Amino acid sequence: MTTDDFLADCRARLAFDLLSNTWNAVVLWALRDGPSRPVELRERIGGISAKVLNETLRRLQFNGLVARDAHPGAPSRVEYRLTALGRTLLGPIDAFGAWAYEHGDEVMAAQEASS
């Protein structure tokens, strides 16, 4: 793949779109240790509304990254888990997080200097 292919490749753009939504990566990371109920995800993540979490889970499910498991009973219980495809994004998310940890101060300094 050449640089020009990379810029024009719809698959590359798809990958960037998946990770450009902040909540996508956060929810995927929160599911890395196993299935969770939405209330557990909200507690683990913090700062995400029920509506936004629900929208994010639907988007991730639509893209094949998360599976929804409904358990019968009273009350009914729903859990979300990473699919095999979703697990493949944990490495890139971890690498991006490591980059942010290492260079975040530099980015914030540049933003402050531009203000």
C-alpha atoms as a PDB file:
ATOM      1  CA  MET A   1       0.000   0.000   0.000  1.00  0.00           C
ATOM      2  CA  THR A   2       1.364   3.376  -0.972  1.00  0.00           C
ATOM      3  CA  THR A   3       0.704   6.618   0.832  1.00  0.00           C
ATOM      4  CA  ASP A   4      -1.777   7.652  -1.871  1.00  0.00           C
ATOM      5  CA  ASP A   5      -3.602   4.317  -1.507  1.00  0.00           C
ATOM      6  CA  PHE A   6      -3.792   4.897   2.216  1.00  0.00           C
ATOM      7  CA  LEU A   7      -5.422   8.299   1.764  1.00  0.00           C
ATOM      8  CA  ALA A   8      -7.934   7.019  -0.785  1.00  0.00           C
ATOM      9  CA  ASP A   9      -8.632   3.601   0.760  1.00  0.00           C
ATOM     10  CA  CYS A  10     -12.174   3.395   2.106  1.00  0.00           C
ATOM     11  CA  ARG A  11     -11.108   0.652   4.524  1.00  0.00           C
ATOM     12  CA  ALA A  12      -8.486   2.920   6.090  1.00  0.00           C
ATOM     13  CA  ARG A  13     -11.052   5.680   6.439  1.00  0.00           C
ATOM     14  CA  LEU A  14     -13.455   3.212   8.030  1.00  0.00           C
ATOM     15  CA  ALA A  15     -10.845   2.301  10.640  1.00  0.00           C
ATOM     16  CA  PHE A  16     -10.137   5.955  11.416  1.00  0.00           C
ATOM     17  CA  ASP A  17     -13.864   6.665  11.655  1.00  0.00           C
ATOM     18  CA  LEU A  18     -14.290   3.817  14.146  1.00  0.00           C
ATOM     19  CA  LEU A  19     -11.575   5.200  16.408  1.00  0.00           C
ATOM     20  CA  SER A  20     -12.330   8.891  15.900  1.00  0.00           C
ATOM     21  CA  ASN A  21     -15.471   8.640  18.027  1.00  0.00           C
ATOM     22  CA  THR A  22     -14.169   8.962  21.581  1.00  0.00           C
ATOM     23  CA  TRP A  23     -16.793   6.710  23.092  1.00  0.00           C
ATOM     24  CA  ASN A  24     -16.201   3.843  20.642  1.00  0.00           C
ATOM     25  CA  ALA A  25     -12.662   3.243  21.866  1.00  0.00           C
ATOM     26  CA  VAL A  26     -13.593   3.834  25.506  1.00  0.00           C
ATOM     27  CA  VAL A  27     -16.466   1.320  25.433  1.00  0.00           C
ATOM     28  CA  LEU A  28     -14.369  -1.260  23.584  1.00  0.00           C
ATOM     29  CA  TRP A  29     -11.621  -0.851  26.194  1.00  0.00           C
ATOM     30  CA  ALA A  30     -14.144  -1.130  29.037  1.00  0.00           C
ATOM     31  CA  LEU A  31     -15.328  -4.475  27.607  1.00  0.00           C
ATOM     32  CA  ARG A  32     -11.828  -5.945  27.354  1.00  0.00           C
ATOM     33  CA  ASP A  33     -12.166  -8.057  30.527  1.00  0.00           C
ATOM     34  CA  GLY A  34     -15.451  -9.684  29.571  1.00  0.00           C
ATOM     35  CA  PRO A  35     -19.190  -9.152  29.193  1.00  0.00           C
ATOM     36  CA  SER A  36     -20.819  -6.290  31.073  1.00  0.00           C
ATOM     37  CA  ARG A  37     -24.275  -4.914  31.644  1.00  0.00           C
ATOM     38  CA  PRO A  38     -24.886  -1.295  30.601  1.00  0.00           C
ATOM     39  CA  VAL A  39     -25.082  -0.105  34.218  1.00  0.00           C
ATOM     40  CA  GLU A  40     -21.692  -1.718  34.911  1.00  0.00           C
ATOM     41  CA  LEU A  41     -20.210  -0.061  31.838  1.00  0.00           C
ATOM     42  CA  ARG A  42     -21.468   3.364  32.931  1.00  0.00           C
ATOM     43  CA  GLU A  43     -19.908   2.876  36.366  1.00  0.00           C
ATOM     44  CA  ARG A  44     -16.607   1.736  34.878  1.00  0.00           C
ATOM     45  CA  ILE A  45     -16.430   4.475  32.261  1.00  0.00           C
ATOM     46  CA  GLY A  46     -17.844   7.484  34.119  1.00  0.00           C
ATOM     47  CA  GLY A  47     -19.006  10.629  32.372  1.00  0.00           C
ATOM     48  CA  ILE A  48     -21.133   8.865  29.761  1.00  0.00           C
ATOM     49  CA  SER A  49     -24.902   9.240  29.743  1.00  0.00           C
ATOM     50  CA  ALA A  50     -27.193   6.244  29.347  1.00  0.00           C
ATOM     51  CA  LYS A  51     -28.330   7.622  25.976  1.00  0.00           C
ATOM     52  CA  VAL A  52     -24.811   8.035  24.606  1.00  0.00           C
ATOM     53  CA  LEU A  53     -23.765   4.603  25.906  1.00  0.00           C
ATOM     54  CA  ASN A  54     -26.785   3.020  24.242  1.00  0.00           C
ATOM     55  CA  GLU A  55     -26.033   4.790  20.940  1.00  0.00           C
ATOM     56  CA  THR A  56     -22.388   3.732  21.148  1.00  0.00           C
ATOM     57  CA  LEU A  57     -23.235   0.102  21.880  1.00  0.00           C
ATOM     58  CA  ARG A  58     -25.656   0.030  18.932  1.00  0.00           C
ATOM     59  CA  ARG A  59     -23.017   1.555  16.638  1.00  0.00           C
ATOM     60  CA  LEU A  60     -20.395  -0.954  17.781  1.00  0.00           C
ATOM     61  CA  GLN A  61     -22.881  -3.809  17.349  1.00  0.00           C
ATOM     62  CA  PHE A  62     -23.776  -2.546  13.845  1.00  0.00           C
ATOM     63  CA  ASN A  63     -20.077  -2.637  12.947  1.00  0.00           C
ATOM     64  CA  GLY A  64     -19.632  -6.172  14.286  1.00  0.00           C
ATOM     65  CA  LEU A  65     -17.361  -5.160  17.157  1.00  0.00           C
ATOM     66  CA  VAL A  66     -19.751  -5.885  20.039  1.00  0.00           C
ATOM     67  CA  ALA A  67     -22.402  -8.553  20.567  1.00  0.00           C
ATOM     68  CA  ARG A  68     -25.559  -8.129  22.627  1.00  0.00           C
ATOM     69  CA  ASP A  69     -26.658 -11.074  24.737  1.00  0.00           C
ATOM     70  CA  ALA A  70     -30.169 -10.982  26.205  1.00  0.00           C
ATOM     71  CA  HIS A  71     -30.744 -13.335  29.133  1.00  0.00           C
ATOM     72  CA  PRO A  72     -34.354 -14.333  29.815  1.00  0.00           C
ATOM     73  CA  GLY A  73     -35.866 -14.058  33.229  1.00  0.00           C
ATOM     74  CA  ALA A  74     -37.413 -11.522  35.476  1.00  0.00           C
ATOM     75  CA  PRO A  75     -36.012  -9.002  35.333  1.00  0.00           C
ATOM     76  CA  SER A  76     -34.485  -9.490  31.899  1.00  0.00           C
ATOM     77  CA  ARG A  77     -30.766  -8.941  31.713  1.00  0.00           C
ATOM     78  CA  VAL A  78     -28.699  -7.680  28.785  1.00  0.00           C
ATOM     79  CA  GLU A  79     -24.931  -7.943  28.514  1.00  0.00           C
ATOM     80  CA  TYR A  80     -22.530  -6.731  25.876  1.00  0.00           C
ATOM     81  CA  ARG A  81     -19.279  -8.414  24.943  1.00  0.00           C
ATOM     82  CA  LEU A  82     -16.515  -7.928  22.430  1.00  0.00           C
ATOM     83  CA  THR A  83     -16.639 -10.031  19.305  1.00  0.00           C
ATOM     84  CA  ALA A  84     -13.472 -11.566  17.888  1.00  0.00           C
ATOM     85  CA  LEU A  85     -13.353  -8.608  15.498  1.00  0.00           C
ATOM     86  CA  GLY A  86     -13.765  -6.158  18.374  1.00  0.00           C
ATOM     87  CA  ARG A  87     -10.855  -7.780  20.226  1.00  0.00           C
ATOM     88  CA  THR A  88      -8.585  -7.014  17.256  1.00  0.00           C
ATOM     89  CA  LEU A  89      -8.941  -3.293  18.032  1.00  0.00           C
ATOM     90  CA  LEU A  90      -7.624  -3.573  21.587  1.00  0.00           C
ATOM     91  CA  GLY A  91      -3.994  -3.494  20.418  1.00  0.00           C
ATOM     92  CA  PRO A  92      -4.384  -0.287  18.374  1.00  0.00           C
ATOM     93  CA  ILE A  93      -6.412   1.337  21.169  1.00  0.00           C
ATOM     94  CA  ASP A  94      -3.711   0.434  23.695  1.00  0.00           C
ATOM     95  CA  ALA A  95      -0.990   1.799  21.383  1.00  0.00           C
ATOM     96  CA  PHE A  96      -2.891   5.026  20.837  1.00  0.00           C
ATOM     97  CA  GLY A  97      -3.447   5.383  24.593  1.00  0.00           C
ATOM     98  CA  ALA A  98       0.269   4.856  25.222  1.00  0.00           C
ATOM     99  CA  TRP A  99       1.073   7.537  22.643  1.00  0.00           C
ATOM    100  CA  ALA A 100      -1.380   9.931  24.336  1.00  0.00           C
ATOM    101  CA  TYR A 101       0.139   9.219  27.755  1.00  0.00           C
ATOM    102  CA  GLU A 102       3.640   9.898  26.421  1.00  0.00           C
ATOM    103  CA  HIS A 103       2.839  12.970  24.301  1.00  0.00           C
ATOM    104  CA  GLY A 104      -0.362  14.406  25.799  1.00  0.00           C
ATOM    105  CA  ASP A 105       1.462  17.188  27.636  1.00  0.00           C
ATOM    106  CA  GLU A 106       3.127  18.277  24.404  1.00  0.00           C
ATOM    107  CA  VAL A 107      -0.213  18.412  22.582  1.00  0.00           C
ATOM    108  CA  MET A 108      -1.818  20.424  25.399  1.00  0.00           C
ATOM    109  CA  ALA A 109       1.168  22.801  25.449  1.00  0.00           C
ATOM    110  CA  ALA A 110       0.797  23.346  21.699  1.00  0.00           C
ATOM    111  CA  GLN A 111      -2.922  24.045  22.140  1.00  0.00           C
ATOM    112  CA  GLU A 112      -2.228  26.568  24.892  1.00  0.00           C
ATOM    113  CA  ALA A 113       0.456  28.253  22.792  1.00  0.00           C
ATOM    114  CA  SER A 114      -2.036  28.643  19.938  1.00  0.00           C
ATOM    115  CA  SER A 115      -4.691  30.260  22.116  1.00  0.00           C
END
